[in-house]
Amino acid sequence: MLRKNISSEIPNVMKRVLNLRGINRSLKEISHARKEAEKGLDFQDLPKLLDEFWIQWNERILSNLHVKSSIQTAKFIKKLTGGIILM
């Protein structure tokens, strides 16, 4: 079940990750930094960016397998998998 407001949990997760790295920032600082980061993003482009990500991901896998890759092959794999690959 998805949580109702996962975006409100992001600062808490970021704080825990930073603390593990020895970086101490307040939730207020983290929330502000996140809001600033979002200012330059156009979320309407997100579907296109995700498609590009999965194509590049597939190309990297093919390269690591020493398979001569092409954009068409990577796009085909993305289409078959729906872009869902377990990492």
N, C-alpha and C. Protein backbone atom coordinates (compact mmCIF):
# COMPACT_ATOMS: atom_id res chain seq x y z
N MET A 1 0.83 -1.18 0.00
CA MET A 1 0.00 0.00 0.00
C MET A 1 0.88 1.25 0.00
N LEU A 2 0.60 2.18 -0.91
CA LEU A 2 1.38 3.41 -0.97
C LEU A 2 1.00 4.33 0.17
N ARG A 3 1.96 5.02 0.65
CA ARG A 3 1.69 5.97 1.72
C ARG A 3 1.04 7.21 1.13
N LYS A 4 0.23 7.87 1.93
CA LYS A 4 -0.54 9.00 1.43
C LYS A 4 0.33 10.17 0.98
N ASN A 5 1.36 10.50 1.73
CA ASN A 5 2.16 11.66 1.40
C ASN A 5 3.64 11.33 1.52
N ILE A 6 4.13 10.63 0.53
CA ILE A 6 5.54 10.20 0.57
C ILE A 6 6.49 11.38 0.47
N SER A 7 6.06 12.48 -0.17
CA SER A 7 6.95 13.63 -0.30
C SER A 7 7.29 14.24 1.05
N SER A 8 6.42 14.10 2.03
CA SER A 8 6.73 14.63 3.36
C SER A 8 7.76 13.77 4.07
N GLU A 9 7.95 12.53 3.62
CA GLU A 9 8.92 11.65 4.24
C GLU A 9 10.32 11.80 3.64
N ILE A 10 10.41 12.41 2.48
CA ILE A 10 11.69 12.54 1.79
C ILE A 10 12.74 13.24 2.67
N PRO A 11 12.41 14.37 3.31
CA PRO A 11 13.43 15.00 4.17
C PRO A 11 13.91 14.08 5.29
N ASN A 12 13.01 13.28 5.87
CA ASN A 12 13.41 12.36 6.93
C ASN A 12 14.36 11.29 6.42
N VAL A 13 14.07 10.77 5.25
CA VAL A 13 14.95 9.76 4.65
C VAL A 13 16.31 10.38 4.33
N MET A 14 16.29 11.57 3.73
CA MET A 14 17.54 12.26 3.40
C MET A 14 18.36 12.53 4.66
N LYS A 15 17.70 12.93 5.74
CA LYS A 15 18.41 13.19 6.99
C LYS A 15 19.11 11.93 7.51
N ARG A 16 18.40 10.80 7.46
CA ARG A 16 19.02 9.53 7.91
C ARG A 16 20.22 9.16 7.05
N VAL A 17 20.09 9.34 5.74
CA VAL A 17 21.20 9.01 4.83
C VAL A 17 22.38 9.93 5.11
N LEU A 18 22.12 11.21 5.24
CA LEU A 18 23.21 12.15 5.52
C LEU A 18 23.87 11.84 6.87
N ASN A 19 23.07 11.52 7.87
CA ASN A 19 23.63 11.19 9.19
C ASN A 19 24.55 9.97 9.11
N LEU A 20 24.17 8.99 8.29
CA LEU A 20 25.02 7.82 8.11
C LEU A 20 26.37 8.19 7.51
N ARG A 21 26.40 9.28 6.77
CA ARG A 21 27.64 9.77 6.15
C ARG A 21 28.35 10.79 7.02
N GLY A 22 27.84 11.01 8.23
CA GLY A 22 28.47 11.97 9.13
C GLY A 22 28.12 13.41 8.83
N ILE A 23 27.06 13.63 8.07
CA ILE A 23 26.64 14.98 7.72
C ILE A 23 25.37 15.29 8.50
N ASN A 24 25.42 16.35 9.29
CA ASN A 24 24.29 16.69 10.14
C ASN A 24 23.61 17.95 9.62
N ARG A 25 22.38 17.79 9.13
CA ARG A 25 21.57 18.92 8.66
C ARG A 25 20.18 18.78 9.27
N SER A 26 19.55 19.90 9.54
CA SER A 26 18.21 19.89 10.13
C SER A 26 17.17 19.55 9.05
N LEU A 27 16.01 19.11 9.51
CA LEU A 27 14.92 18.84 8.58
C LEU A 27 14.52 20.12 7.85
N LYS A 28 14.60 21.25 8.54
CA LYS A 28 14.27 22.53 7.90
C LYS A 28 15.24 22.83 6.76
N GLU A 29 16.54 22.61 6.99
CA GLU A 29 17.54 22.84 5.94
C GLU A 29 17.31 21.91 4.75
N ILE A 30 17.03 20.65 5.05
CA ILE A 30 16.83 19.67 3.99
C ILE A 30 15.57 20.00 3.20
N SER A 31 14.50 20.35 3.86
CA SER A 31 13.26 20.72 3.18
C SER A 31 13.47 21.93 2.28
N HIS A 32 14.20 22.92 2.78
CA HIS A 32 14.49 24.11 1.98
C HIS A 32 15.33 23.76 0.75
N ALA A 33 16.34 22.95 0.94
CA ALA A 33 17.20 22.55 -0.17
C ALA A 33 16.40 21.79 -1.23
N ARG A 34 15.48 20.97 -0.78
CA ARG A 34 14.64 20.21 -1.72
C ARG A 34 13.74 21.14 -2.52
N LYS A 35 13.13 22.10 -1.85
CA LYS A 35 12.27 23.06 -2.54
C LYS A 35 13.06 23.86 -3.57
N GLU A 36 14.27 24.25 -3.22
CA GLU A 36 15.12 24.98 -4.16
C GLU A 36 15.48 24.12 -5.37
N ALA A 37 15.75 22.85 -5.12
CA ALA A 37 16.10 21.93 -6.22
C ALA A 37 14.94 21.74 -7.18
N GLU A 38 13.73 21.72 -6.64
CA GLU A 38 12.54 21.52 -7.47
C GLU A 38 12.21 22.72 -8.34
N LYS A 39 12.70 23.90 -7.97
CA LYS A 39 12.39 25.11 -8.73
C LYS A 39 12.82 25.01 -10.19
N GLY A 40 13.95 24.36 -10.44
CA GLY A 40 14.46 24.28 -11.80
C GLY A 40 13.98 23.09 -12.58
N LEU A 41 13.10 22.30 -12.00
CA LEU A 41 12.64 21.08 -12.67
C LEU A 41 11.26 21.30 -13.30
N ASP A 42 11.09 20.71 -14.47
CA ASP A 42 9.79 20.73 -15.14
C ASP A 42 9.27 19.30 -15.11
N PHE A 43 8.37 19.03 -14.17
CA PHE A 43 7.88 17.67 -13.99
C PHE A 43 7.03 17.18 -15.16
N GLN A 44 6.64 18.08 -16.06
CA GLN A 44 5.92 17.65 -17.25
C GLN A 44 6.84 16.84 -18.17
N ASP A 45 8.15 17.03 -18.04
CA ASP A 45 9.13 16.30 -18.86
C ASP A 45 9.49 14.95 -18.25
N LEU A 46 8.97 14.63 -17.09
CA LEU A 46 9.35 13.41 -16.38
C LEU A 46 9.15 12.13 -17.20
N PRO A 47 8.02 11.93 -17.88
CA PRO A 47 7.88 10.70 -18.67
C PRO A 47 8.98 10.55 -19.74
N LYS A 48 9.33 11.64 -20.39
CA LYS A 48 10.39 11.59 -21.40
C LYS A 48 11.73 11.28 -20.75
N LEU A 49 12.02 11.90 -19.61
CA LEU A 49 13.28 11.64 -18.91
C LEU A 49 13.38 10.19 -18.46
N LEU A 50 12.27 9.63 -17.99
CA LEU A 50 12.27 8.23 -17.56
C LEU A 50 12.54 7.31 -18.74
N ASP A 51 11.93 7.59 -19.88
CA ASP A 51 12.18 6.79 -21.08
C ASP A 51 13.66 6.82 -21.45
N GLU A 52 14.24 8.02 -21.44
CA GLU A 52 15.66 8.16 -21.76
C GLU A 52 16.53 7.41 -20.76
N PHE A 53 16.16 7.46 -19.48
CA PHE A 53 16.92 6.75 -18.45
C PHE A 53 16.95 5.27 -18.75
N TRP A 54 15.77 4.67 -19.02
CA TRP A 54 15.71 3.23 -19.23
C TRP A 54 16.45 2.81 -20.49
N ILE A 55 16.42 3.64 -21.51
CA ILE A 55 17.17 3.32 -22.72
C ILE A 55 18.67 3.33 -22.41
N GLN A 56 19.14 4.34 -21.71
CA GLN A 56 20.57 4.39 -21.34
C GLN A 56 20.93 3.24 -20.41
N TRP A 57 20.05 2.90 -19.50
CA TRP A 57 20.28 1.77 -18.58
C TRP A 57 20.47 0.49 -19.37
N ASN A 58 19.56 0.25 -20.32
CA ASN A 58 19.65 -0.95 -21.14
C ASN A 58 20.92 -0.97 -21.98
N GLU A 59 21.32 0.19 -22.51
CA GLU A 59 22.56 0.26 -23.28
C GLU A 59 23.76 -0.12 -22.42
N ARG A 60 23.77 0.32 -21.18
CA ARG A 60 24.88 0.00 -20.27
C ARG A 60 24.93 -1.50 -19.97
N ILE A 61 23.76 -2.09 -19.76
CA ILE A 61 23.72 -3.54 -19.51
C ILE A 61 24.24 -4.28 -20.72
N LEU A 62 23.77 -3.90 -21.90
CA LEU A 62 24.23 -4.55 -23.12
C LEU A 62 25.74 -4.39 -23.29
N SER A 63 26.25 -3.21 -23.00
CA SER A 63 27.69 -2.97 -23.10
C SER A 63 28.46 -3.86 -22.13
N ASN A 64 27.96 -3.99 -20.91
CA ASN A 64 28.62 -4.84 -19.91
C ASN A 64 28.60 -6.31 -20.31
N LEU A 65 27.62 -6.67 -21.14
CA LEU A 65 27.53 -8.04 -21.64
C LEU A 65 28.31 -8.22 -22.95
N HIS A 66 28.99 -7.14 -23.35
CA HIS A 66 29.77 -7.13 -24.60
C HIS A 66 28.88 -7.43 -25.80
N VAL A 67 27.65 -6.91 -25.74
CA VAL A 67 26.71 -7.03 -26.86
C VAL A 67 26.75 -5.71 -27.60
N LYS A 68 26.98 -5.81 -28.91
CA LYS A 68 27.00 -4.59 -29.72
C LYS A 68 25.62 -3.97 -29.64
N SER A 69 25.56 -2.81 -29.04
CA SER A 69 24.29 -2.17 -28.73
C SER A 69 23.92 -1.16 -29.80
N SER A 70 22.65 -0.89 -29.86
CA SER A 70 22.15 0.21 -30.66
C SER A 70 20.97 0.80 -29.92
N ILE A 71 20.64 2.02 -30.25
CA ILE A 71 19.49 2.67 -29.61
C ILE A 71 18.24 1.83 -29.85
N GLN A 72 18.12 1.26 -31.06
CA GLN A 72 16.93 0.47 -31.38
C GLN A 72 16.82 -0.74 -30.45
N THR A 73 17.94 -1.40 -30.19
CA THR A 73 17.93 -2.56 -29.30
C THR A 73 17.54 -2.15 -27.89
N ALA A 74 18.13 -1.07 -27.40
CA ALA A 74 17.82 -0.59 -26.05
C ALA A 74 16.37 -0.16 -25.94
N LYS A 75 15.85 0.50 -26.99
CA LYS A 75 14.44 0.91 -26.99
C LYS A 75 13.53 -0.31 -27.00
N PHE A 76 13.92 -1.34 -27.76
CA PHE A 76 13.12 -2.56 -27.85
C PHE A 76 13.04 -3.23 -26.47
N ILE A 77 14.16 -3.32 -25.78
CA ILE A 77 14.18 -3.92 -24.44
C ILE A 77 13.30 -3.11 -23.49
N LYS A 78 13.42 -1.79 -23.57
CA LYS A 78 12.60 -0.93 -22.72
C LYS A 78 11.13 -1.15 -22.98
N LYS A 79 10.78 -1.28 -24.27
CA LYS A 79 9.37 -1.50 -24.63
C LYS A 79 8.88 -2.86 -24.09
N LEU A 80 9.71 -3.88 -24.21
CA LEU A 80 9.32 -5.22 -23.73
C LEU A 80 9.13 -5.25 -22.21
N THR A 81 10.01 -4.55 -21.51
CA THR A 81 9.98 -4.61 -20.05
C THR A 81 9.12 -3.52 -19.44
N GLY A 82 8.69 -2.58 -20.26
CA GLY A 82 7.92 -1.46 -19.72
C GLY A 82 8.78 -0.54 -18.88
N GLY A 83 10.10 -0.67 -19.03
CA GLY A 83 11.02 0.17 -18.26
C GLY A 83 11.21 -0.29 -16.84
N ILE A 84 10.63 -1.43 -16.49
CA ILE A 84 10.75 -1.90 -15.12
C ILE A 84 11.85 -2.96 -15.04
N ILE A 85 12.93 -2.60 -14.43
CA ILE A 85 14.05 -3.49 -14.23
C ILE A 85 14.37 -3.48 -12.74
N LEU A 86 14.56 -4.63 -12.18
CA LEU A 86 14.93 -4.68 -10.77
C LEU A 86 16.39 -4.38 -10.63
N MET A 87 16.71 -3.43 -9.78
CA MET A 87 18.11 -3.05 -9.57
C MET A 87 18.59 -3.66 -8.29
